[in-house]
């Protein structure tokens, strides 16, 4: 079992997509011709984030979902992009593992976590 993708429903597909492309380096890729407007963002040649247009209230009904997490390989690059973007972030090191974590919030107050191996 592994996570296949996340889906974000939003009234501003471009803002959500632009943030994830700009800060995480995901790439817009092929998407089936669904009737609902949307974008698929790829990481490592796989569509890991599906963004779809929703005129309703963003985040309604998400329950206990707290954040989305990605595995990164360029800690310094992400920190630089967050700084250039003016995006507040918190970082920490996981005890006993040395994994570095960076947390920031994006459109619709979505919390994003990016984890980096200790050596990266």
PDB file of N, CA and C in Angstrom:
ATOM      1  N   UNK A   1       0.851  -1.176   0.000  1.00  0.00           N
ATOM      2  CA  UNK A   1       0.000   0.000   0.000  1.00  0.00           C
ATOM      3  C   UNK A   1       0.891   1.232   0.000  1.00  0.00           C
ATOM      4  N   UNK A   2       0.539   2.197  -0.850  1.00  0.00           N
ATOM      5  CA  UNK A   2       1.247   3.474  -0.843  1.00  0.00           C
ATOM      6  C   UNK A   2       0.280   4.562  -1.268  1.00  0.00           C
ATOM      7  N   UNK A   3       0.574   5.769  -0.882  1.00  0.00           N
ATOM      8  CA  UNK A   3      -0.255   6.894  -1.268  1.00  0.00           C
ATOM      9  C   UNK A   3      -0.119   7.126  -2.766  1.00  0.00           C
ATOM     10  N   UNK A   4      -1.230   7.281  -3.474  1.00  0.00           N
ATOM     11  CA  UNK A   4      -1.217   7.486  -4.910  1.00  0.00           C
ATOM     12  C   UNK A   4      -1.186   8.976  -5.262  1.00  0.00           C
ATOM     13  N   UNK A   5      -2.098   9.749  -4.693  1.00  0.00           N
ATOM     14  CA  UNK A   5      -2.141  11.177  -4.973  1.00  0.00           C
ATOM     15  C   UNK A   5      -3.018  11.869  -3.934  1.00  0.00           C
ATOM     16  N   UNK A   6      -2.944  13.197  -3.932  1.00  0.00           N
ATOM     17  CA  UNK A   6      -3.885  13.991  -3.148  1.00  0.00           C
ATOM     18  C   UNK A   6      -4.725  14.796  -4.130  1.00  0.00           C
ATOM     19  N   UNK A   7      -5.922  15.166  -3.725  1.00  0.00           N
ATOM     20  CA  UNK A   7      -6.789  15.996  -4.542  1.00  0.00           C
ATOM     21  C   UNK A   7      -7.137  17.234  -3.740  1.00  0.00           C
ATOM     22  N   UNK A   8      -6.943  18.371  -4.348  1.00  0.00           N
ATOM     23  CA  UNK A   8      -7.295  19.642  -3.715  1.00  0.00           C
ATOM     24  C   UNK A   8      -8.401  20.259  -4.548  1.00  0.00           C
ATOM     25  N   UNK A   9      -9.551  20.518  -3.930  1.00  0.00           N
ATOM     26  CA  UNK A   9     -10.647  21.201  -4.605  1.00  0.00           C
ATOM     27  C   UNK A   9     -10.586  22.662  -4.191  1.00  0.00           C
ATOM     28  N   UNK A  10     -10.657  23.532  -5.189  1.00  0.00           N
ATOM     29  CA  UNK A  10     -10.456  24.951  -4.931  1.00  0.00           C
ATOM     30  C   UNK A  10     -11.240  25.803  -5.915  1.00  0.00           C
ATOM     31  N   UNK A  11     -11.515  27.023  -5.519  1.00  0.00           N
ATOM     32  CA  UNK A  11     -12.135  27.974  -6.437  1.00  0.00           C
ATOM     33  C   UNK A  11     -11.060  28.741  -7.215  1.00  0.00           C
ATOM     34  N   UNK A  12      -9.779  28.464  -6.950  1.00  0.00           N
ATOM     35  CA  UNK A  12      -8.678  29.147  -7.638  1.00  0.00           C
ATOM     36  C   UNK A  12      -7.594  28.134  -8.010  1.00  0.00           C
ATOM     37  N   UNK A  13      -7.862  27.361  -9.057  1.00  0.00           N
ATOM     38  CA  UNK A  13      -6.948  26.316  -9.518  1.00  0.00           C
ATOM     39  C   UNK A  13      -5.570  26.895  -9.814  1.00  0.00           C
ATOM     40  N   UNK A  14      -5.529  28.050 -10.474  1.00  0.00           N
ATOM     41  CA  UNK A  14      -4.242  28.626 -10.861  1.00  0.00           C
ATOM     42  C   UNK A  14      -3.381  28.985  -9.652  1.00  0.00           C
ATOM     43  N   UNK A  15      -3.975  29.570  -8.627  1.00  0.00           N
ATOM     44  CA  UNK A  15      -3.198  29.973  -7.444  1.00  0.00           C
ATOM     45  C   UNK A  15      -2.596  28.761  -6.743  1.00  0.00           C
ATOM     46  N   UNK A  16      -3.386  27.719  -6.566  1.00  0.00           N
ATOM     47  CA  UNK A  16      -2.887  26.512  -5.902  1.00  0.00           C
ATOM     48  C   UNK A  16      -1.800  25.859  -6.743  1.00  0.00           C
ATOM     49  N   UNK A  17      -2.061  25.717  -8.038  1.00  0.00           N
ATOM     50  CA  UNK A  17      -1.088  25.103  -8.934  1.00  0.00           C
ATOM     51  C   UNK A  17       0.206  25.909  -8.978  1.00  0.00           C
ATOM     52  N   UNK A  18       0.093  27.218  -9.143  1.00  0.00           N
ATOM     53  CA  UNK A  18       1.278  28.072  -9.235  1.00  0.00           C
ATOM     54  C   UNK A  18       2.141  27.968  -7.985  1.00  0.00           C
ATOM     55  N   UNK A  19       1.525  27.909  -6.818  1.00  0.00           N
ATOM     56  CA  UNK A  19       2.284  27.809  -5.569  1.00  0.00           C
ATOM     57  C   UNK A  19       3.083  26.514  -5.520  1.00  0.00           C
ATOM     58  N   UNK A  20       2.450  25.405  -5.845  1.00  0.00           N
ATOM     59  CA  UNK A  20       3.137  24.108  -5.773  1.00  0.00           C
ATOM     60  C   UNK A  20       4.213  23.968  -6.851  1.00  0.00           C
ATOM     61  N   UNK A  21       3.980  24.551  -8.005  1.00  0.00           N
ATOM     62  CA  UNK A  21       5.001  24.534  -9.066  1.00  0.00           C
ATOM     63  C   UNK A  21       6.176  25.414  -8.653  1.00  0.00           C
ATOM     64  N   UNK A  22       5.883  26.614  -8.189  1.00  0.00           N
ATOM     65  CA  UNK A  22       6.920  27.589  -7.838  1.00  0.00           C
ATOM     66  C   UNK A  22       7.766  27.140  -6.647  1.00  0.00           C
ATOM     67  N   UNK A  23       7.130  26.654  -5.604  1.00  0.00           N
ATOM     68  CA  UNK A  23       7.861  26.352  -4.374  1.00  0.00           C
ATOM     69  C   UNK A  23       8.409  24.932  -4.324  1.00  0.00           C
ATOM     70  N   UNK A  24       7.663  23.965  -4.874  1.00  0.00           N
ATOM     71  CA  UNK A  24       8.094  22.567  -4.773  1.00  0.00           C
ATOM     72  C   UNK A  24       8.701  22.024  -6.059  1.00  0.00           C
ATOM     73  N   UNK A  25       8.581  22.769  -7.140  1.00  0.00           N
ATOM     74  CA  UNK A  25       9.148  22.295  -8.396  1.00  0.00           C
ATOM     75  C   UNK A  25       8.343  21.197  -9.064  1.00  0.00           C
ATOM     76  N   UNK A  26       7.069  21.038  -8.668  1.00  0.00           N
ATOM     77  CA  UNK A  26       6.221  20.073  -9.366  1.00  0.00           C
ATOM     78  C   UNK A  26       5.966  20.596 -10.770  1.00  0.00           C
ATOM     79  N   UNK A  27       5.578  19.715 -11.673  1.00  0.00           N
ATOM     80  CA  UNK A  27       5.375  20.103 -13.063  1.00  0.00           C
ATOM     81  C   UNK A  27       3.956  19.792 -13.508  1.00  0.00           C
ATOM     82  N   UNK A  28       3.349  20.738 -14.230  1.00  0.00           N
ATOM     83  CA  UNK A  28       2.027  20.513 -14.811  1.00  0.00           C
ATOM     84  C   UNK A  28       2.170  19.465 -15.898  1.00  0.00           C
ATOM     85  N   UNK A  29       1.278  18.474 -15.878  1.00  0.00           N
ATOM     86  CA  UNK A  29       1.370  17.401 -16.861  1.00  0.00           C
ATOM     87  C   UNK A  29       0.020  16.977 -17.403  1.00  0.00           C
ATOM     88  N   UNK A  30       0.055  15.913 -18.148  1.00  0.00           N
ATOM     89  CA  UNK A  30      -1.129  15.358 -18.811  1.00  0.00           C
ATOM     90  C   UNK A  30      -2.239  15.070 -17.802  1.00  0.00           C
ATOM     91  N   UNK A  31      -3.468  15.411 -18.200  1.00  0.00           N
ATOM     92  CA  UNK A  31      -4.654  15.155 -17.377  1.00  0.00           C
ATOM     93  C   UNK A  31      -5.782  14.715 -18.297  1.00  0.00           C
ATOM     94  N   UNK A  32      -6.523  13.682 -17.913  1.00  0.00           N
ATOM     95  CA  UNK A  32      -7.660  13.263 -18.741  1.00  0.00           C
ATOM     96  C   UNK A  32      -8.656  14.413 -18.899  1.00  0.00           C
ATOM     97  N   UNK A  33      -9.455  14.396 -19.948  1.00  0.00           N
ATOM     98  CA  UNK A  33     -10.396  15.486 -20.218  1.00  0.00           C
ATOM     99  C   UNK A  33     -11.673  15.388 -19.377  1.00  0.00           C
ATOM    100  N   UNK A  34     -11.523  15.524 -18.064  1.00  0.00           N
ATOM    101  CA  UNK A  34     -12.689  15.514 -17.185  1.00  0.00           C
ATOM    102  C   UNK A  34     -13.562  16.734 -17.484  1.00  0.00           C
ATOM    103  N   UNK A  35     -14.827  16.676 -17.082  1.00  0.00           N
ATOM    104  CA  UNK A  35     -15.715  17.817 -17.301  1.00  0.00           C
ATOM    105  C   UNK A  35     -15.383  18.977 -16.362  1.00  0.00           C
ATOM    106  N   UNK A  36     -14.834  18.670 -15.195  1.00  0.00           N
ATOM    107  CA  UNK A  36     -14.469  19.703 -14.223  1.00  0.00           C
ATOM    108  C   UNK A  36     -13.072  20.234 -14.571  1.00  0.00           C
ATOM    109  N   UNK A  37     -12.907  21.563 -14.555  1.00  0.00           N
ATOM    110  CA  UNK A  37     -11.597  22.173 -14.815  1.00  0.00           C
ATOM    111  C   UNK A  37     -10.595  21.709 -13.760  1.00  0.00           C
ATOM    112  N   UNK A  38      -9.344  21.534 -14.160  1.00  0.00           N
ATOM    113  CA  UNK A  38      -8.344  21.146 -13.188  1.00  0.00           C
ATOM    114  C   UNK A  38      -6.962  21.015 -13.787  1.00  0.00           C
ATOM    115  N   UNK A  39      -6.030  20.646 -12.928  1.00  0.00           N
ATOM    116  CA  UNK A  39      -4.626  20.492 -13.297  1.00  0.00           C
ATOM    117  C   UNK A  39      -4.074  19.298 -12.538  1.00  0.00           C
ATOM    118  N   UNK A  40      -3.210  18.541 -13.179  1.00  0.00           N
ATOM    119  CA  UNK A  40      -2.456  17.494 -12.489  1.00  0.00           C
ATOM    120  C   UNK A  40      -1.010  17.938 -12.422  1.00  0.00           C
ATOM    121  N   UNK A  41      -0.433  17.831 -11.232  1.00  0.00           N
ATOM    122  CA  UNK A  41       0.968  18.172 -11.025  1.00  0.00           C
ATOM    123  C   UNK A  41       1.767  16.904 -10.795  1.00  0.00           C
ATOM    124  N   UNK A  42       2.883  16.826 -11.479  1.00  0.00           N
ATOM    125  CA  UNK A  42       3.711  15.630 -11.463  1.00  0.00           C
ATOM    126  C   UNK A  42       4.977  15.842 -10.639  1.00  0.00           C
ATOM    127  N   UNK A  43       5.354  14.801  -9.937  1.00  0.00           N
ATOM    128  CA  UNK A  43       6.628  14.698  -9.256  1.00  0.00           C
ATOM    129  C   UNK A  43       7.215  13.350  -9.622  1.00  0.00           C
ATOM    130  N   UNK A  44       8.445  13.334 -10.061  1.00  0.00           N
ATOM    131  CA  UNK A  44       9.092  12.091 -10.505  1.00  0.00           C
ATOM    132  C   UNK A  44       8.233  11.354 -11.536  1.00  0.00           C
ATOM    133  N   UNK A  45       7.718  12.092 -12.502  1.00  0.00           N
ATOM    134  CA  UNK A  45       6.960  11.536 -13.626  1.00  0.00           C
ATOM    135  C   UNK A  45       5.657  10.848 -13.217  1.00  0.00           C
ATOM    136  N   UNK A  46       5.068  11.253 -12.084  1.00  0.00           N
ATOM    137  CA  UNK A  46       3.809  10.663 -11.646  1.00  0.00           C
ATOM    138  C   UNK A  46       2.896  11.787 -11.142  1.00  0.00           C
ATOM    139  N   UNK A  47       1.588  11.744 -11.470  1.00  0.00           N
ATOM    140  CA  UNK A  47       0.671  12.813 -11.057  1.00  0.00           C
ATOM    141  C   UNK A  47       0.276  12.693  -9.584  1.00  0.00           C
ATOM    142  N   UNK A  48       1.043  13.336  -8.715  1.00  0.00           N
ATOM    143  CA  UNK A  48       0.842  13.170  -7.276  1.00  0.00           C
ATOM    144  C   UNK A  48      -0.123  14.177  -6.662  1.00  0.00           C
ATOM    145  N   UNK A  49      -0.382  15.301  -7.369  1.00  0.00           N
ATOM    146  CA  UNK A  49      -1.344  16.284  -6.878  1.00  0.00           C
ATOM    147  C   UNK A  49      -2.366  16.542  -7.975  1.00  0.00           C
ATOM    148  N   UNK A  50      -3.627  16.295  -7.657  1.00  0.00           N
ATOM    149  CA  UNK A  50      -4.726  16.586  -8.568  1.00  0.00           C
ATOM    150  C   UNK A  50      -5.457  17.808  -8.003  1.00  0.00           C
ATOM    151  N   UNK A  51      -5.600  18.829  -8.817  1.00  0.00           N
ATOM    152  CA  UNK A  51      -6.285  20.051  -8.393  1.00  0.00           C
ATOM    153  C   UNK A  51      -7.517  20.188  -9.270  1.00  0.00           C
ATOM    154  N   UNK A  52      -8.673  20.373  -8.645  1.00  0.00           N
ATOM    155  CA  UNK A  52      -9.899  20.483  -9.431  1.00  0.00           C
ATOM    156  C   UNK A  52     -10.726  21.671  -8.974  1.00  0.00           C
ATOM    157  N   UNK A  53     -11.397  22.275  -9.943  1.00  0.00           N
ATOM    158  CA  UNK A  53     -12.214  23.462  -9.721  1.00  0.00           C
ATOM    159  C   UNK A  53     -13.453  23.096  -8.921  1.00  0.00           C
ATOM    160  N   UNK A  54     -13.726  23.882  -7.898  1.00  0.00           N
ATOM    161  CA  UNK A  54     -14.906  23.690  -7.072  1.00  0.00           C
ATOM    162  C   UNK A  54     -15.372  25.064  -6.632  1.00  0.00           C
ATOM    163  N   UNK A  55     -16.587  25.413  -6.992  1.00  0.00           N
ATOM    164  CA  UNK A  55     -17.117  26.731  -6.635  1.00  0.00           C
ATOM    165  C   UNK A  55     -17.607  26.782  -5.195  1.00  0.00           C
ATOM    166  N   UNK A  56     -17.621  25.642  -4.512  1.00  0.00           N
ATOM    167  CA  UNK A  56     -18.070  25.620  -3.119  1.00  0.00           C
ATOM    168  C   UNK A  56     -17.024  26.192  -2.177  1.00  0.00           C
ATOM    169  N   UNK A  57     -17.268  26.054  -0.911  1.00  0.00           N
ATOM    170  CA  UNK A  57     -16.351  26.553   0.103  1.00  0.00           C
ATOM    171  C   UNK A  57     -15.121  25.663   0.169  1.00  0.00           C
ATOM    172  N   UNK A  58     -13.932  26.204  -0.136  1.00  0.00           N
ATOM    173  CA  UNK A  58     -12.724  25.380  -0.044  1.00  0.00           C
ATOM    174  C   UNK A  58     -12.551  24.843   1.372  1.00  0.00           C
ATOM    175  N   UNK A  59     -12.107  23.605   1.459  1.00  0.00           N
ATOM    176  CA  UNK A  59     -11.800  22.927   2.718  1.00  0.00           C
ATOM    177  C   UNK A  59     -13.030  22.421   3.453  1.00  0.00           C
ATOM    178  N   UNK A  60     -14.219  22.668   2.941  1.00  0.00           N
ATOM    179  CA  UNK A  60     -15.404  22.156   3.622  1.00  0.00           C
ATOM    180  C   UNK A  60     -15.366  20.635   3.611  1.00  0.00           C
ATOM    181  N   UNK A  61     -15.549  20.029   4.771  1.00  0.00           N
ATOM    182  CA  UNK A  61     -15.643  18.586   4.854  1.00  0.00           C
ATOM    183  C   UNK A  61     -14.324  17.838   4.871  1.00  0.00           C
ATOM    184  N   UNK A  62     -13.218  18.507   5.148  1.00  0.00           N
ATOM    185  CA  UNK A  62     -11.937  17.796   5.148  1.00  0.00           C
ATOM    186  C   UNK A  62     -11.677  17.044   6.442  1.00  0.00           C
ATOM    187  N   UNK A  63     -12.516  17.234   7.429  1.00  0.00           N
ATOM    188  CA  UNK A  63     -12.376  16.473   8.666  1.00  0.00           C
ATOM    189  C   UNK A  63     -11.045  16.691   9.347  1.00  0.00           C
ATOM    190  N   UNK A  64     -10.396  15.598   9.724  1.00  0.00           N
ATOM    191  CA  UNK A  64      -9.181  15.675  10.519  1.00  0.00           C
ATOM    192  C   UNK A  64      -7.900  15.784   9.693  1.00  0.00           C
ATOM    193  N   UNK A  65      -8.008  15.914   8.387  1.00  0.00           N
ATOM    194  CA  UNK A  65      -6.810  16.050   7.569  1.00  0.00           C
ATOM    195  C   UNK A  65      -6.017  17.263   8.040  1.00  0.00           C
ATOM    196  N   UNK A  66      -4.757  17.049   8.405  1.00  0.00           N
ATOM    197  CA  UNK A  66      -3.948  18.118   8.977  1.00  0.00           C
ATOM    198  C   UNK A  66      -2.995  18.750   7.978  1.00  0.00           C
ATOM    199  N   UNK A  67      -2.321  17.953   7.166  1.00  0.00           N
ATOM    200  CA  UNK A  67      -1.352  18.500   6.224  1.00  0.00           C
ATOM    201  C   UNK A  67      -1.038  17.489   5.125  1.00  0.00           C
ATOM    202  N   UNK A  68      -0.358  17.984   4.090  1.00  0.00           N
ATOM    203  CA  UNK A  68       0.144  17.101   3.041  1.00  0.00           C
ATOM    204  C   UNK A  68       1.663  17.146   3.108  1.00  0.00           C
ATOM    205  N   UNK A  69       2.310  16.028   2.834  1.00  0.00           N
ATOM    206  CA  UNK A  69       3.761  15.962   2.963  1.00  0.00           C
ATOM    207  C   UNK A  69       4.399  15.425   1.692  1.00  0.00           C
ATOM    208  N   UNK A  70       5.546  15.978   1.379  1.00  0.00           N
ATOM    209  CA  UNK A  70       6.329  15.579   0.222  1.00  0.00           C
ATOM    210  C   UNK A  70       7.736  15.225   0.686  1.00  0.00           C
ATOM    211  N   UNK A  71       8.446  14.445  -0.092  1.00  0.00           N
ATOM    212  CA  UNK A  71       9.856  14.147   0.135  1.00  0.00           C
ATOM    213  C   UNK A  71      10.645  15.025  -0.818  1.00  0.00           C
ATOM    214  N   UNK A  72      11.539  15.837  -0.290  1.00  0.00           N
ATOM    215  CA  UNK A  72      12.324  16.742  -1.118  1.00  0.00           C
ATOM    216  C   UNK A  72      13.779  16.334  -1.187  1.00  0.00           C
ATOM    217  N   UNK A  73      14.516  16.963  -2.107  1.00  0.00           N
ATOM    218  CA  UNK A  73      15.944  16.672  -2.213  1.00  0.00           C
ATOM    219  C   UNK A  73      16.791  17.938  -2.337  1.00  0.00           C
ATOM    220  N   UNK A  74      16.185  19.115  -2.129  1.00  0.00           N
ATOM    221  CA  UNK A  74      16.923  20.375  -2.222  1.00  0.00           C
ATOM    222  C   UNK A  74      16.457  21.319  -1.115  1.00  0.00           C
ATOM    223  N   UNK A  75      16.908  21.054   0.096  1.00  0.00           N
ATOM    224  CA  UNK A  75      16.526  21.855   1.263  1.00  0.00           C
ATOM    225  C   UNK A  75      16.858  23.334   1.049  1.00  0.00           C
ATOM    226  N   UNK A  76      18.114  23.615   0.679  1.00  0.00           N
ATOM    227  CA  UNK A  76      18.543  25.001   0.507  1.00  0.00           C
ATOM    228  C   UNK A  76      17.729  25.706  -0.575  1.00  0.00           C
ATOM    229  N   UNK A  77      17.417  24.996  -1.651  1.00  0.00           N
ATOM    230  CA  UNK A  77      16.612  25.577  -2.714  1.00  0.00           C
ATOM    231  C   UNK A  77      15.213  25.934  -2.245  1.00  0.00           C
ATOM    232  N   UNK A  78      14.582  25.041  -1.478  1.00  0.00           N
ATOM    233  CA  UNK A  78      13.239  25.330  -0.973  1.00  0.00           C
ATOM    234  C   UNK A  78      13.272  26.531  -0.039  1.00  0.00           C
ATOM    235  N   UNK A  79      14.234  26.570   0.876  1.00  0.00           N
ATOM    236  CA  UNK A  79      14.331  27.697   1.808  1.00  0.00           C
ATOM    237  C   UNK A  79      14.506  28.998   1.028  1.00  0.00           C
ATOM    238  N   UNK A  80      15.331  28.986  -0.014  1.00  0.00           N
ATOM    239  CA  UNK A  80      15.537  30.185  -0.834  1.00  0.00           C
ATOM    240  C   UNK A  80      14.244  30.600  -1.529  1.00  0.00           C
ATOM    241  N   UNK A  81      13.526  29.638  -2.100  1.00  0.00           N
ATOM    242  CA  UNK A  81      12.278  29.963  -2.801  1.00  0.00           C
ATOM    243  C   UNK A  81      11.222  30.497  -1.833  1.00  0.00           C
ATOM    244  N   UNK A  82      11.133  29.915  -0.642  1.00  0.00           N
ATOM    245  CA  UNK A  82      10.184  30.416   0.355  1.00  0.00           C
ATOM    246  C   UNK A  82      10.524  31.851   0.736  1.00  0.00           C
ATOM    247  N   UNK A  83      11.821  32.132   0.907  1.00  0.00           N
ATOM    248  CA  UNK A  83      12.251  33.487   1.234  1.00  0.00           C
ATOM    249  C   UNK A  83      11.924  34.470   0.121  1.00  0.00           C
ATOM    250  N   UNK A  84      12.217  34.097  -1.105  1.00  0.00           N
ATOM    251  CA  UNK A  84      11.927  34.955  -2.264  1.00  0.00           C
ATOM    252  C   UNK A  84      10.432  35.203  -2.393  1.00  0.00           C
ATOM    253  N   UNK A  85       9.636  34.206  -2.024  1.00  0.00           N
ATOM    254  CA  UNK A  85       8.182  34.288  -2.125  1.00  0.00           C
ATOM    255  C   UNK A  85       7.567  35.061  -0.965  1.00  0.00           C
ATOM    256  N   UNK A  86       8.334  35.266   0.100  1.00  0.00           N
ATOM    257  CA  UNK A  86       7.795  35.916   1.288  1.00  0.00           C
ATOM    258  C   UNK A  86       6.885  35.013   2.094  1.00  0.00           C
ATOM    259  N   UNK A  87       7.056  33.700   1.943  1.00  0.00           N
ATOM    260  CA  UNK A  87       6.225  32.724   2.639  1.00  0.00           C
ATOM    261  C   UNK A  87       6.856  32.347   3.969  1.00  0.00           C
ATOM    262  N   UNK A  88       6.116  32.528   5.057  1.00  0.00           N
ATOM    263  CA  UNK A  88       6.591  32.116   6.375  1.00  0.00           C
ATOM    264  C   UNK A  88       6.689  30.605   6.431  1.00  0.00           C
ATOM    265  N   UNK A  89       7.681  30.112   7.152  1.00  0.00           N
ATOM    266  CA  UNK A  89       7.843  28.671   7.305  1.00  0.00           C
ATOM    267  C   UNK A  89       8.468  28.375   8.662  1.00  0.00           C
ATOM    268  N   UNK A  90       8.324  27.125   9.066  1.00  0.00           N
ATOM    269  CA  UNK A  90       8.995  26.617  10.254  1.00  0.00           C
ATOM    270  C   UNK A  90       9.788  25.400   9.820  1.00  0.00           C
ATOM    271  N   UNK A  91      10.963  25.234  10.418  1.00  0.00           N
ATOM    272  CA  UNK A  91      11.705  24.011  10.128  1.00  0.00           C
ATOM    273  C   UNK A  91      12.150  23.384  11.431  1.00  0.00           C
ATOM    274  N   UNK A  92      12.375  22.083  11.366  1.00  0.00           N
ATOM    275  CA  UNK A  92      12.789  21.329  12.548  1.00  0.00           C
ATOM    276  C   UNK A  92      13.503  20.071  12.097  1.00  0.00           C
ATOM    277  N   UNK A  93      14.207  19.461  13.043  1.00  0.00           N
ATOM    278  CA  UNK A  93      14.876  18.194  12.790  1.00  0.00           C
ATOM    279  C   UNK A  93      14.189  17.131  13.642  1.00  0.00           C
ATOM    280  N   UNK A  94      13.848  16.007  13.028  1.00  0.00           N
ATOM    281  CA  UNK A  94      13.185  14.916  13.742  1.00  0.00           C
ATOM    282  C   UNK A  94      14.210  14.238  14.652  1.00  0.00           C
ATOM    283  N   UNK A  95      13.896  14.137  15.950  1.00  0.00           N
ATOM    284  CA  UNK A  95      14.826  13.482  16.880  1.00  0.00           C
ATOM    285  C   UNK A  95      15.133  12.038  16.455  1.00  0.00           C
ATOM    286  N   UNK A  96      16.352  11.637  16.668  1.00  0.00           N
ATOM    287  CA  UNK A  96      16.860  10.287  16.402  1.00  0.00           C
ATOM    288  C   UNK A  96      17.058   9.963  14.918  1.00  0.00           C
ATOM    289  N   UNK A  97      16.390  10.670  14.012  1.00  0.00           N
ATOM    290  CA  UNK A  97      16.537  10.345  12.595  1.00  0.00           C
ATOM    291  C   UNK A  97      17.347  11.383  11.829  1.00  0.00           C
ATOM    292  N   UNK A  98      17.300  12.621  12.289  1.00  0.00           N
ATOM    293  CA  UNK A  98      17.983  13.694  11.591  1.00  0.00           C
ATOM    294  C   UNK A  98      17.232  14.214  10.379  1.00  0.00           C
ATOM    295  N   UNK A  99      16.047  13.678  10.092  1.00  0.00           N
ATOM    296  CA  UNK A  99      15.251  14.153   8.965  1.00  0.00           C
ATOM    297  C   UNK A  99      14.897  15.621   9.199  1.00  0.00           C
ATOM    298  N   UNK A 100      15.139  16.432   8.188  1.00  0.00           N
ATOM    299  CA  UNK A 100      14.799  17.855   8.273  1.00  0.00           C
ATOM    300  C   UNK A 100      13.415  18.052   7.680  1.00  0.00           C
ATOM    301  N   UNK A 101      12.588  18.815   8.391  1.00  0.00           N
ATOM    302  CA  UNK A 101      11.217  19.075   7.960  1.00  0.00           C
ATOM    303  C   UNK A 101      11.009  20.577   7.819  1.00  0.00           C
ATOM    304  N   UNK A 102      10.319  20.956   6.762  1.00  0.00           N
ATOM    305  CA  UNK A 102       9.939  22.344   6.542  1.00  0.00           C
ATOM    306  C   UNK A 102       8.419  22.378   6.404  1.00  0.00           C
ATOM    307  N   UNK A 103       7.777  23.282   7.132  1.00  0.00           N
ATOM    308  CA  UNK A 103       6.326  23.430   7.102  1.00  0.00           C
ATOM    309  C   UNK A 103       5.975  24.836   6.647  1.00  0.00           C
ATOM    310  N   UNK A 104       4.986  24.959   5.747  1.00  0.00           N
ATOM    311  CA  UNK A 104       4.469  26.264   5.366  1.00  0.00           C
ATOM    312  C   UNK A 104       3.009  26.117   4.975  1.00  0.00           C
ATOM    313  N   UNK A 105       2.299  27.240   4.974  1.00  0.00           N
ATOM    314  CA  UNK A 105       0.890  27.244   4.588  1.00  0.00           C
ATOM    315  C   UNK A 105       0.757  27.928   3.230  1.00  0.00           C
ATOM    316  N   UNK A 106      -0.175  27.404   2.425  1.00  0.00           N
ATOM    317  CA  UNK A 106      -0.416  27.978   1.106  1.00  0.00           C
ATOM    318  C   UNK A 106      -1.882  28.358   0.975  1.00  0.00           C
ATOM    319  N   UNK A 107      -2.335  28.615  -0.227  1.00  0.00           N
ATOM    320  CA  UNK A 107      -3.714  28.992  -0.507  1.00  0.00           C
ATOM    321  C   UNK A 107      -4.689  28.096   0.257  1.00  0.00           C
ATOM    322  N   UNK A 108      -5.755  28.690   0.780  1.00  0.00           N
ATOM    323  CA  UNK A 108      -6.795  28.003   1.550  1.00  0.00           C
ATOM    324  C   UNK A 108      -6.268  27.457   2.874  1.00  0.00           C
ATOM    325  N   UNK A 109      -5.140  27.998   3.342  1.00  0.00           N
ATOM    326  CA  UNK A 109      -4.570  27.609   4.634  1.00  0.00           C
ATOM    327  C   UNK A 109      -4.157  26.136   4.668  1.00  0.00           C
ATOM    328  N   UNK A 110      -3.763  25.590   3.527  1.00  0.00           N
ATOM    329  CA  UNK A 110      -3.310  24.202   3.452  1.00  0.00           C
ATOM    330  C   UNK A 110      -1.887  24.128   3.987  1.00  0.00           C
ATOM    331  N   UNK A 111      -1.683  23.277   4.980  1.00  0.00           N
ATOM    332  CA  UNK A 111      -0.347  23.081   5.535  1.00  0.00           C
ATOM    333  C   UNK A 111       0.408  22.086   4.671  1.00  0.00           C
ATOM    334  N   UNK A 112       1.620  22.470   4.271  1.00  0.00           N
ATOM    335  CA  UNK A 112       2.493  21.634   3.459  1.00  0.00           C
ATOM    336  C   UNK A 112       3.735  21.314   4.276  1.00  0.00           C
ATOM    337  N   UNK A 113       4.140  20.058   4.256  1.00  0.00           N
ATOM    338  CA  UNK A 113       5.374  19.594   4.904  1.00  0.00           C
ATOM    339  C   UNK A 113       6.287  19.036   3.809  1.00  0.00           C
ATOM    340  N   UNK A 114       7.557  19.374   3.889  1.00  0.00           N
ATOM    341  CA  UNK A 114       8.531  18.786   2.979  1.00  0.00           C
ATOM    342  C   UNK A 114       9.646  18.208   3.832  1.00  0.00           C
ATOM    343  N   UNK A 115       9.906  16.915   3.666  1.00  0.00           N
ATOM    344  CA  UNK A 115      10.914  16.206   4.451  1.00  0.00           C
ATOM    345  C   UNK A 115      12.167  15.983   3.603  1.00  0.00           C
ATOM    346  N   UNK A 116      13.322  16.116   4.260  1.00  0.00           N
ATOM    347  CA  UNK A 116      14.607  15.949   3.596  1.00  0.00           C
ATOM    348  C   UNK A 116      15.467  14.980   4.395  1.00  0.00           C
ATOM    349  N   UNK A 117      16.141  14.088   3.692  1.00  0.00           N
ATOM    350  CA  UNK A 117      17.083  13.193   4.353  1.00  0.00           C
ATOM    351  C   UNK A 117      18.145  14.004   5.068  1.00  0.00           C
ATOM    352  N   UNK A 118      18.726  13.476   6.136  1.00  0.00           N
ATOM    353  CA  UNK A 118      19.714  14.225   6.906  1.00  0.00           C
ATOM    354  C   UNK A 118      20.892  14.732   6.066  1.00  0.00           C
ATOM    355  N   UNK A 119      21.284  13.995   5.053  1.00  0.00           N
ATOM    356  CA  UNK A 119      22.463  14.362   4.253  1.00  0.00           C
ATOM    357  C   UNK A 119      22.147  15.361   3.157  1.00  0.00           C
ATOM    358  N   UNK A 120      20.861  15.665   2.907  1.00  0.00           N
ATOM    359  CA  UNK A 120      20.543  16.545   1.771  1.00  0.00           C
ATOM    360  C   UNK A 120      20.566  18.014   2.164  1.00  0.00           C
TER     361      UNK A 120
END
